[in-house]
């Protein structure tokens, strides 16, 4: 996988974790919420749509502007900082996909 975090990488991760608690549809009932962690700063952000409303799955459109590395012609994020990883938040604790899968 590329070091840059892209929508394609999100799709690849969803395929890799299909059928496990490492995807939103399988861990939502266990109070996990899709989120992202910037490993460089330690900042965690819940997944959101571009309008700021909560997203039930990982989307790049609602991430902080300073995390966006590249946008398409319409302004939609297509790549974010390589230090950003997708995971989940439960009880204010960030879990990687691997950790969430192991807990569910």
N, C-alpha and C. Protein backbone atom coordinates (compact mmCIF):
# COMPACT_ATOMS: atom_id res chain seq x y z
N UNK A 1 0.83 -1.19 0.00
CA UNK A 1 0.00 0.00 0.00
C UNK A 1 0.87 1.25 0.00
N UNK A 2 0.39 2.28 -0.61
CA UNK A 2 1.08 3.56 -0.63
C UNK A 2 1.15 4.16 0.77
N UNK A 3 2.19 4.95 1.02
CA UNK A 3 2.29 5.61 2.32
C UNK A 3 1.24 6.71 2.46
N UNK A 4 0.88 7.35 1.34
CA UNK A 4 -0.14 8.39 1.42
C UNK A 4 -1.49 7.76 1.73
N UNK A 5 -2.27 8.44 2.55
CA UNK A 5 -3.58 7.90 2.91
C UNK A 5 -4.60 8.44 1.92
N UNK A 6 -5.26 7.55 1.20
CA UNK A 6 -6.21 7.92 0.15
C UNK A 6 -7.52 7.16 0.33
N UNK A 7 -8.52 7.56 -0.46
CA UNK A 7 -9.80 6.84 -0.46
C UNK A 7 -9.59 5.41 -0.92
N UNK A 8 -8.67 5.18 -1.85
CA UNK A 8 -8.39 3.83 -2.30
C UNK A 8 -7.81 2.99 -1.15
N UNK A 9 -6.97 3.59 -0.36
CA UNK A 9 -6.41 2.86 0.79
C UNK A 9 -7.52 2.50 1.77
N UNK A 10 -8.48 3.40 1.98
CA UNK A 10 -9.62 3.09 2.85
C UNK A 10 -10.37 1.87 2.31
N UNK A 11 -10.60 1.83 1.00
CA UNK A 11 -11.29 0.70 0.39
C UNK A 11 -10.50 -0.60 0.58
N UNK A 12 -9.18 -0.52 0.39
CA UNK A 12 -8.34 -1.70 0.56
C UNK A 12 -8.39 -2.21 2.01
N UNK A 13 -8.38 -1.29 2.96
CA UNK A 13 -8.47 -1.68 4.37
C UNK A 13 -9.82 -2.32 4.66
N UNK A 14 -10.89 -1.75 4.10
CA UNK A 14 -12.21 -2.33 4.31
C UNK A 14 -12.27 -3.75 3.77
N UNK A 15 -11.67 -4.00 2.64
CA UNK A 15 -11.62 -5.35 2.08
C UNK A 15 -10.79 -6.27 2.97
N UNK A 16 -9.66 -5.77 3.44
CA UNK A 16 -8.77 -6.58 4.28
C UNK A 16 -9.43 -6.97 5.60
N UNK A 17 -10.28 -6.09 6.13
CA UNK A 17 -10.92 -6.33 7.42
C UNK A 17 -12.39 -6.76 7.29
N UNK A 18 -12.83 -7.04 6.08
CA UNK A 18 -14.22 -7.48 5.87
C UNK A 18 -14.53 -8.69 6.75
N UNK A 19 -15.70 -8.66 7.35
CA UNK A 19 -16.12 -9.77 8.20
C UNK A 19 -15.56 -9.72 9.61
N UNK A 20 -14.84 -8.65 9.95
CA UNK A 20 -14.26 -8.50 11.28
C UNK A 20 -14.75 -7.21 11.93
N UNK A 21 -14.36 -7.01 13.16
CA UNK A 21 -14.67 -5.78 13.87
C UNK A 21 -13.79 -4.61 13.44
N UNK A 22 -13.00 -4.80 12.40
CA UNK A 22 -12.15 -3.73 11.88
C UNK A 22 -12.84 -2.85 10.86
N UNK A 23 -14.15 -3.07 10.66
CA UNK A 23 -14.94 -2.20 9.78
C UNK A 23 -16.17 -1.70 10.55
N UNK A 24 -16.60 -0.52 10.18
CA UNK A 24 -17.69 0.15 10.90
C UNK A 24 -18.95 -0.69 11.01
N UNK A 25 -19.37 -1.31 9.93
CA UNK A 25 -20.64 -2.04 9.95
C UNK A 25 -20.63 -3.20 10.94
N UNK A 26 -19.45 -3.69 11.29
CA UNK A 26 -19.36 -4.82 12.21
C UNK A 26 -19.06 -4.44 13.65
N UNK A 27 -18.69 -3.19 13.89
CA UNK A 27 -18.36 -2.83 15.27
C UNK A 27 -19.23 -1.71 15.84
N UNK A 28 -20.07 -1.13 15.01
CA UNK A 28 -20.93 -0.03 15.45
C UNK A 28 -21.79 -0.42 16.65
N UNK A 29 -22.31 -1.65 16.65
CA UNK A 29 -23.18 -2.10 17.76
C UNK A 29 -22.40 -2.27 19.06
N UNK A 30 -21.07 -2.21 18.97
CA UNK A 30 -20.22 -2.30 20.16
C UNK A 30 -19.71 -0.91 20.57
N UNK A 31 -20.39 0.12 20.09
CA UNK A 31 -20.13 1.53 20.43
C UNK A 31 -18.83 2.10 19.86
N UNK A 32 -18.32 1.50 18.79
CA UNK A 32 -17.16 2.07 18.10
C UNK A 32 -17.66 3.09 17.09
N UNK A 33 -16.92 4.20 16.97
CA UNK A 33 -17.23 5.22 15.96
C UNK A 33 -16.01 5.41 15.07
N UNK A 34 -16.24 5.47 13.78
CA UNK A 34 -15.15 5.67 12.82
C UNK A 34 -14.39 6.95 13.17
N UNK A 35 -13.08 6.87 13.13
CA UNK A 35 -12.24 8.01 13.49
C UNK A 35 -10.89 7.90 12.79
N UNK A 36 -10.12 8.98 12.90
CA UNK A 36 -8.78 9.02 12.35
C UNK A 36 -7.83 9.54 13.41
N UNK A 37 -6.61 9.06 13.38
CA UNK A 37 -5.55 9.49 14.29
C UNK A 37 -4.39 10.02 13.46
N UNK A 38 -3.92 11.21 13.78
CA UNK A 38 -2.67 11.71 13.21
C UNK A 38 -1.58 11.26 14.17
N UNK A 39 -0.82 10.26 13.77
CA UNK A 39 0.19 9.69 14.65
C UNK A 39 1.32 10.67 14.96
N UNK A 40 1.50 11.68 14.12
CA UNK A 40 2.55 12.68 14.36
C UNK A 40 2.19 13.61 15.51
N UNK A 41 0.91 13.98 15.59
CA UNK A 41 0.49 14.94 16.61
C UNK A 41 -0.28 14.29 17.77
N UNK A 42 -0.81 13.10 17.53
CA UNK A 42 -1.64 12.44 18.54
C UNK A 42 -3.09 12.89 18.49
N UNK A 43 -3.43 13.76 17.57
CA UNK A 43 -4.80 14.30 17.45
C UNK A 43 -5.72 13.25 16.84
N UNK A 44 -6.89 13.09 17.44
CA UNK A 44 -7.91 12.17 16.97
C UNK A 44 -9.13 12.97 16.52
N UNK A 45 -9.67 12.60 15.38
CA UNK A 45 -10.88 13.24 14.86
C UNK A 45 -11.88 12.17 14.47
N UNK A 46 -13.13 12.33 14.91
CA UNK A 46 -14.19 11.43 14.46
C UNK A 46 -14.43 11.65 12.97
N UNK A 47 -14.83 10.60 12.27
CA UNK A 47 -15.15 10.71 10.84
C UNK A 47 -16.37 11.60 10.67
N UNK A 48 -16.26 12.53 9.74
CA UNK A 48 -17.35 13.47 9.47
C UNK A 48 -17.46 13.69 7.97
N UNK A 49 -18.68 14.03 7.56
CA UNK A 49 -18.89 14.45 6.18
C UNK A 49 -18.39 15.88 6.04
N UNK A 50 -18.31 16.37 4.81
CA UNK A 50 -17.80 17.72 4.55
C UNK A 50 -18.59 18.79 5.29
N UNK A 51 -19.89 18.56 5.53
CA UNK A 51 -20.71 19.54 6.23
C UNK A 51 -20.54 19.50 7.75
N UNK A 52 -19.68 18.59 8.23
CA UNK A 52 -19.42 18.49 9.66
C UNK A 52 -20.28 17.49 10.40
N UNK A 53 -21.28 16.94 9.73
CA UNK A 53 -22.15 15.96 10.39
C UNK A 53 -21.40 14.63 10.55
N UNK A 54 -21.71 13.88 11.61
CA UNK A 54 -21.02 12.61 11.86
C UNK A 54 -21.21 11.62 10.71
N UNK A 55 -20.14 10.96 10.34
CA UNK A 55 -20.20 9.94 9.29
C UNK A 55 -20.18 8.56 9.95
N UNK A 56 -21.00 7.64 9.47
CA UNK A 56 -21.04 6.30 10.07
C UNK A 56 -19.88 5.40 9.62
N UNK A 57 -19.05 5.92 8.71
CA UNK A 57 -17.90 5.17 8.22
C UNK A 57 -16.78 6.15 7.93
N UNK A 58 -15.63 5.65 7.56
CA UNK A 58 -14.47 6.51 7.27
C UNK A 58 -14.65 7.24 5.95
N UNK A 59 -14.56 8.55 6.00
CA UNK A 59 -14.56 9.40 4.80
C UNK A 59 -13.51 10.47 5.02
N UNK A 60 -12.86 10.90 3.94
CA UNK A 60 -11.81 11.90 4.05
C UNK A 60 -12.36 13.33 4.02
N UNK A 61 -13.58 13.52 3.56
CA UNK A 61 -14.10 14.86 3.30
C UNK A 61 -14.22 15.75 4.53
N UNK A 62 -14.36 15.19 5.72
CA UNK A 62 -14.53 16.02 6.91
C UNK A 62 -13.29 16.18 7.76
N UNK A 63 -12.15 15.75 7.25
CA UNK A 63 -10.91 15.86 8.03
C UNK A 63 -10.43 17.30 8.10
N UNK A 64 -9.65 17.64 9.13
CA UNK A 64 -9.12 19.00 9.25
C UNK A 64 -8.30 19.39 8.01
N UNK A 65 -8.43 20.63 7.61
CA UNK A 65 -7.75 21.12 6.40
C UNK A 65 -6.25 20.89 6.44
N UNK A 66 -5.65 21.00 7.63
CA UNK A 66 -4.20 20.84 7.73
C UNK A 66 -3.76 19.39 7.53
N UNK A 67 -4.68 18.46 7.55
CA UNK A 67 -4.36 17.06 7.30
C UNK A 67 -4.42 16.71 5.81
N UNK A 68 -5.04 17.57 5.02
CA UNK A 68 -5.25 17.30 3.60
C UNK A 68 -3.97 17.61 2.83
N UNK A 69 -3.53 16.63 2.08
CA UNK A 69 -2.31 16.77 1.29
C UNK A 69 -2.61 17.08 -0.18
N UNK A 70 -3.76 16.58 -0.67
CA UNK A 70 -4.11 16.79 -2.07
C UNK A 70 -5.63 16.78 -2.21
N UNK A 71 -6.13 17.67 -3.09
CA UNK A 71 -7.56 17.73 -3.40
C UNK A 71 -7.76 17.56 -4.89
N UNK A 72 -8.95 17.09 -5.28
CA UNK A 72 -9.25 16.98 -6.71
C UNK A 72 -9.77 18.32 -7.22
N UNK A 73 -10.17 18.37 -8.47
CA UNK A 73 -10.61 19.62 -9.10
C UNK A 73 -11.84 20.21 -8.43
N UNK A 74 -12.64 19.40 -7.74
CA UNK A 74 -13.84 19.90 -7.07
C UNK A 74 -13.57 20.29 -5.61
N UNK A 75 -12.33 20.08 -5.16
CA UNK A 75 -11.99 20.42 -3.78
C UNK A 75 -12.11 19.27 -2.81
N UNK A 76 -12.52 18.10 -3.30
CA UNK A 76 -12.66 16.92 -2.44
C UNK A 76 -11.28 16.35 -2.11
N UNK A 77 -11.03 16.04 -0.83
CA UNK A 77 -9.73 15.46 -0.48
C UNK A 77 -9.52 14.12 -1.17
N UNK A 78 -8.31 13.93 -1.71
CA UNK A 78 -7.97 12.64 -2.33
C UNK A 78 -6.78 12.00 -1.62
N UNK A 79 -6.04 12.79 -0.84
CA UNK A 79 -4.92 12.23 -0.08
C UNK A 79 -4.71 13.08 1.16
N UNK A 80 -4.38 12.40 2.26
CA UNK A 80 -4.08 13.09 3.51
C UNK A 80 -2.68 12.72 3.96
N UNK A 81 -2.21 13.36 4.99
CA UNK A 81 -0.87 13.11 5.51
C UNK A 81 -0.63 11.62 5.73
N UNK A 82 0.57 11.17 5.45
CA UNK A 82 0.92 9.76 5.64
C UNK A 82 0.85 9.36 7.11
N UNK A 83 0.90 10.31 8.01
CA UNK A 83 0.84 10.03 9.45
C UNK A 83 -0.58 9.76 9.94
N UNK A 84 -1.57 9.93 9.08
CA UNK A 84 -2.97 9.72 9.46
C UNK A 84 -3.36 8.27 9.22
N UNK A 85 -4.00 7.67 10.22
CA UNK A 85 -4.49 6.29 10.10
C UNK A 85 -5.97 6.25 10.48
N UNK A 86 -6.68 5.33 9.85
CA UNK A 86 -8.09 5.13 10.16
C UNK A 86 -8.21 4.13 11.31
N UNK A 87 -9.19 4.36 12.14
CA UNK A 87 -9.46 3.47 13.26
C UNK A 87 -10.80 3.81 13.84
N UNK A 88 -10.94 3.64 15.14
CA UNK A 88 -12.22 3.84 15.80
C UNK A 88 -12.02 4.42 17.18
N UNK A 89 -13.04 5.11 17.66
CA UNK A 89 -13.05 5.62 19.03
C UNK A 89 -14.19 4.94 19.77
N UNK A 90 -13.87 4.50 20.98
CA UNK A 90 -14.88 3.97 21.89
C UNK A 90 -14.47 4.41 23.28
N UNK A 91 -15.42 5.01 24.01
CA UNK A 91 -15.14 5.52 25.36
C UNK A 91 -13.91 6.44 25.38
N UNK A 92 -13.82 7.30 24.37
CA UNK A 92 -12.76 8.31 24.23
C UNK A 92 -11.36 7.72 24.01
N UNK A 93 -11.29 6.44 23.66
CA UNK A 93 -10.00 5.79 23.39
C UNK A 93 -9.96 5.42 21.91
N UNK A 94 -8.82 5.72 21.26
CA UNK A 94 -8.64 5.38 19.85
C UNK A 94 -8.14 3.94 19.73
N UNK A 95 -8.75 3.21 18.80
CA UNK A 95 -8.35 1.84 18.50
C UNK A 95 -8.02 1.74 17.02
N UNK A 96 -6.94 1.06 16.69
CA UNK A 96 -6.65 0.79 15.29
C UNK A 96 -7.66 -0.23 14.78
N UNK A 97 -7.68 -0.44 13.50
CA UNK A 97 -8.58 -1.46 12.93
C UNK A 97 -8.25 -2.83 13.53
N UNK A 98 -6.96 -3.12 13.68
CA UNK A 98 -6.54 -4.40 14.24
C UNK A 98 -7.04 -4.57 15.68
N UNK A 99 -6.92 -3.51 16.47
CA UNK A 99 -7.36 -3.57 17.87
C UNK A 99 -8.86 -3.73 17.98
N UNK A 100 -9.61 -2.99 17.14
CA UNK A 100 -11.07 -3.10 17.14
C UNK A 100 -11.49 -4.50 16.73
N UNK A 101 -10.84 -5.05 15.71
CA UNK A 101 -11.17 -6.40 15.24
C UNK A 101 -10.94 -7.41 16.36
N UNK A 102 -9.88 -7.24 17.11
CA UNK A 102 -9.57 -8.18 18.19
C UNK A 102 -10.58 -8.08 19.34
N UNK A 103 -11.15 -6.90 19.54
CA UNK A 103 -12.08 -6.71 20.65
C UNK A 103 -13.51 -7.14 20.33
N UNK A 104 -13.85 -7.16 19.07
CA UNK A 104 -15.24 -7.48 18.68
C UNK A 104 -15.40 -8.96 18.48
